[in-house]
Protein backbone atom coordinates (compact mmCIF):
# COMPACT_ATOMS: atom_id res chain seq x y z
CA UNK A 1 173.36 -76.22 -18.50
CA UNK A 2 171.95 -79.23 -20.22
CA UNK A 3 174.40 -81.86 -21.41
CA UNK A 4 173.99 -83.40 -24.82
CA UNK A 5 174.09 -86.94 -23.46
CA UNK A 6 170.58 -88.20 -23.09
CA UNK A 7 168.94 -91.41 -22.15
CA UNK A 8 167.57 -92.26 -25.55
CA UNK A 9 165.32 -95.11 -24.62
CA UNK A 10 164.79 -98.02 -22.34
CA UNK A 11 163.91 -101.22 -24.17
CA UNK A 12 160.86 -102.97 -22.85
CA UNK A 13 161.42 -105.18 -19.87
CA UNK A 14 161.90 -108.85 -20.72
CA UNK A 15 161.26 -111.56 -18.19
CA UNK A 16 163.55 -114.52 -18.79
CA UNK A 17 161.71 -117.77 -18.24
CA UNK A 18 163.17 -120.92 -16.78
CA UNK A 19 163.00 -122.70 -20.14
CA UNK A 20 165.80 -123.03 -22.68
CA UNK A 21 164.81 -120.06 -24.80
CA UNK A 22 167.58 -117.71 -25.91
CA UNK A 23 167.08 -114.18 -24.60
CA UNK A 24 168.27 -111.63 -27.14
CA UNK A 25 170.90 -109.07 -26.16
CA UNK A 26 168.94 -105.87 -25.43
CA UNK A 27 171.79 -103.79 -26.94
CA UNK A 28 172.06 -105.80 -30.18
CA UNK A 29 171.78 -103.65 -33.28
CA UNK A 30 172.13 -100.32 -31.45
CA UNK A 31 174.96 -98.19 -32.89
CA UNK A 32 175.81 -96.03 -29.87
CA UNK A 33 176.69 -96.68 -26.22
CA UNK A 34 174.37 -99.10 -24.46
CA UNK A 35 174.23 -100.83 -21.08
CA UNK A 36 172.56 -104.24 -21.11
CA UNK A 37 171.19 -104.72 -17.58
CA UNK A 38 170.23 -108.06 -16.04
CA UNK A 39 168.42 -107.87 -12.70
CA UNK A 40 169.00 -111.28 -11.14
CA UNK A 41 166.79 -110.78 -8.10
CA UNK A 42 164.86 -108.34 -5.98
CA UNK A 43 161.64 -107.88 -4.02
CA UNK A 44 159.11 -110.58 -5.00
CA UNK A 45 156.18 -108.18 -5.38
CA UNK A 46 157.85 -105.90 -7.96
CA UNK A 47 155.45 -104.72 -10.65
CA UNK A 48 157.54 -101.98 -12.28
CA UNK A 49 161.07 -100.58 -12.35
CA UNK A 50 162.13 -96.95 -12.39
CA UNK A 51 165.59 -96.30 -13.89
CA UNK A 52 167.49 -93.03 -13.35
CA UNK A 53 170.84 -92.05 -14.87
CA UNK A 54 172.72 -89.86 -12.39
CA UNK A 55 175.97 -87.84 -12.58
CA UNK A 56 174.43 -84.66 -13.91
CA UNK A 57 172.70 -86.27 -16.87
CA UNK A 58 169.33 -85.97 -15.18
CA UNK A 59 167.70 -88.70 -17.22
CA UNK A 60 164.82 -90.70 -15.85
CA UNK A 61 162.78 -93.28 -17.68
CA UNK A 62 159.09 -93.84 -17.56
CA UNK A 63 158.22 -96.73 -15.31
CA UNK A 64 158.93 -100.03 -16.99
CA UNK A 65 156.73 -101.64 -18.11
CA UNK A 66 154.70 -98.48 -18.72
CA UNK A 67 151.39 -100.07 -17.76
CA UNK A 68 151.17 -101.89 -14.42
CA UNK A 69 150.96 -105.62 -15.20
CA UNK A 70 148.39 -107.89 -13.57
CA UNK A 71 151.09 -110.10 -11.99
CA UNK A 72 154.45 -109.21 -10.40
CA UNK A 73 157.51 -109.35 -12.64
CA UNK A 74 159.56 -112.55 -12.75
CA UNK A 75 163.33 -112.45 -12.21
CA UNK A 76 165.73 -112.35 -13.94
CA UNK A 77 164.79 -109.21 -15.88
CA UNK A 78 166.68 -107.80 -18.87
CA UNK A 79 166.58 -104.36 -20.41
CA UNK A 80 168.87 -101.79 -22.02
CA UNK A 81 169.84 -98.24 -21.19
CA UNK A 82 170.63 -96.66 -24.55
CA UNK A 83 172.53 -93.40 -24.89
CA UNK A 84 172.66 -90.70 -27.50
CA UNK A 85 176.07 -89.36 -28.55
CA UNK A 86 178.31 -88.48 -25.57
CA UNK A 87 179.45 -84.88 -25.22
CA UNK A 88 183.02 -83.75 -24.53
CA UNK A 89 182.36 -83.50 -20.79
CA UNK A 90 181.65 -87.23 -20.48
CA UNK A 91 184.24 -88.67 -18.10
CA UNK A 92 183.79 -92.28 -19.11
CA UNK A 93 181.59 -93.32 -16.17
CA UNK A 94 177.82 -93.59 -15.87
CA UNK A 95 175.99 -94.17 -12.59
CA UNK A 96 172.43 -95.43 -12.73
CA UNK A 97 169.87 -96.32 -10.12
CA UNK A 98 167.05 -98.87 -10.31
CA UNK A 99 164.02 -98.64 -8.02
CA UNK A 100 161.62 -101.59 -7.68
CA UNK A 101 157.98 -100.48 -7.30
CA UNK A 102 154.92 -102.35 -6.08
CA UNK A 103 151.52 -102.20 -7.82
CA UNK A 104 150.76 -98.85 -6.12
CA UNK A 105 154.09 -97.27 -7.12
CA UNK A 106 155.67 -97.49 -3.65
CA UNK A 107 159.41 -98.18 -3.38
CA UNK A 108 160.25 -101.77 -2.43
CA UNK A 109 163.99 -101.79 -3.07
CA UNK A 110 166.83 -100.05 -4.87
CA UNK A 111 170.20 -100.67 -6.48
CA UNK A 112 172.87 -98.32 -7.79
CA UNK A 113 175.70 -99.17 -10.17
CA UNK A 114 178.58 -97.23 -11.75
CA UNK A 115 179.78 -98.45 -15.14
CA UNK A 116 182.73 -97.42 -17.32
CA UNK A 117 181.42 -96.81 -20.86
CA UNK A 118 182.65 -94.84 -23.88
CA UNK A 119 181.29 -93.78 -27.26
CA UNK A 120 179.84 -96.88 -28.93
CA UNK A 121 180.62 -99.47 -26.25
CA UNK A 122 178.16 -102.15 -25.23
CA UNK A 123 178.48 -103.10 -21.58
CA UNK A 124 176.67 -105.92 -19.79
CA UNK A 125 175.83 -105.54 -16.09
CA UNK A 126 174.21 -107.95 -13.62
CA UNK A 127 172.85 -106.84 -10.26
CA UNK A 128 170.25 -107.56 -7.61
CA UNK A 129 167.88 -105.06 -6.05
CA UNK A 130 168.31 -104.71 -2.30
CA UNK A 131 166.61 -102.74 0.46
CA UNK A 132 165.57 -99.11 -0.20
CA UNK A 133 168.37 -96.62 0.41
CA UNK A 134 168.51 -95.17 3.92
CA UNK A 135 168.08 -91.43 3.47
CA UNK A 136 168.48 -90.43 7.14
CA UNK A 137 171.46 -88.26 7.94
CA UNK A 138 173.86 -89.92 10.39
CA UNK A 139 174.17 -88.12 13.72
CA UNK A 140 177.81 -87.14 13.11
CA UNK A 141 177.01 -85.51 9.73
CA UNK A 142 174.25 -83.20 10.98
CA UNK A 143 175.15 -79.50 11.09
CA UNK A 144 176.40 -78.18 14.41
CA UNK A 145 173.99 -75.95 16.35
CA UNK A 146 174.40 -72.21 15.80
CA UNK A 147 175.86 -71.05 19.11
CA UNK A 148 175.89 -67.39 18.04
CA UNK A 149 172.16 -67.07 18.63
CA UNK A 150 170.57 -67.16 22.10
CA UNK A 151 168.81 -70.34 23.11
CA UNK A 152 165.14 -69.61 22.42
CA UNK A 153 163.89 -72.91 23.79
CA UNK A 154 163.48 -71.56 27.34
CA UNK A 155 162.96 -67.78 27.12
CA UNK A 156 162.28 -67.21 30.82
CA UNK A 157 165.20 -69.26 32.20
CA UNK A 158 167.87 -67.17 33.92
CA UNK A 159 165.44 -64.56 35.30
CA UNK A 160 164.58 -64.31 38.98
CA UNK A 161 161.75 -61.96 39.94
CA UNK A 162 162.15 -59.95 36.76
CA UNK A 163 165.92 -59.59 37.19
CA UNK A 164 168.50 -61.46 35.15
CA UNK A 165 170.22 -64.20 37.12
CA UNK A 166 173.66 -62.82 36.21
CA UNK A 167 172.80 -59.36 37.61
CA UNK A 168 173.14 -57.64 34.23
CA UNK A 169 170.61 -55.32 32.57
CA UNK A 170 167.30 -56.61 31.24
């Protein structure tokens, strides 16, 4: 079932220089809910960002900027995640994930943030991109072995001269 909330658009990525220029609010002038994101730091060889909105909304942006630039991006970076009208199932929280990509599209780092946002709110968020998420399953969370099935790893173990070691039938 597709929810009516959609990621409407991601404003183009703006590098904020070290000068005294005023950087406009990326949510200014937008009538609906909007998250203004400032990425304060991350991997130095980031060429693009990939932004995904999680929590069942299933929205993913094109890589930003769309065309791979000739030089890596300069931090801090500012952009907006703009939303269409929220549906009745919206619980007031949005979780999004940012992935930093190198010039070949490989993952350099990631960040995830959950933000409370309603209807026409404008929310500002600052974050830094860290190491890529560790996707390995911890040892204690792996499923237990199925002990109902015989151990097939050593099919001939337990047999002596064609007879089962326990003396039972073959």
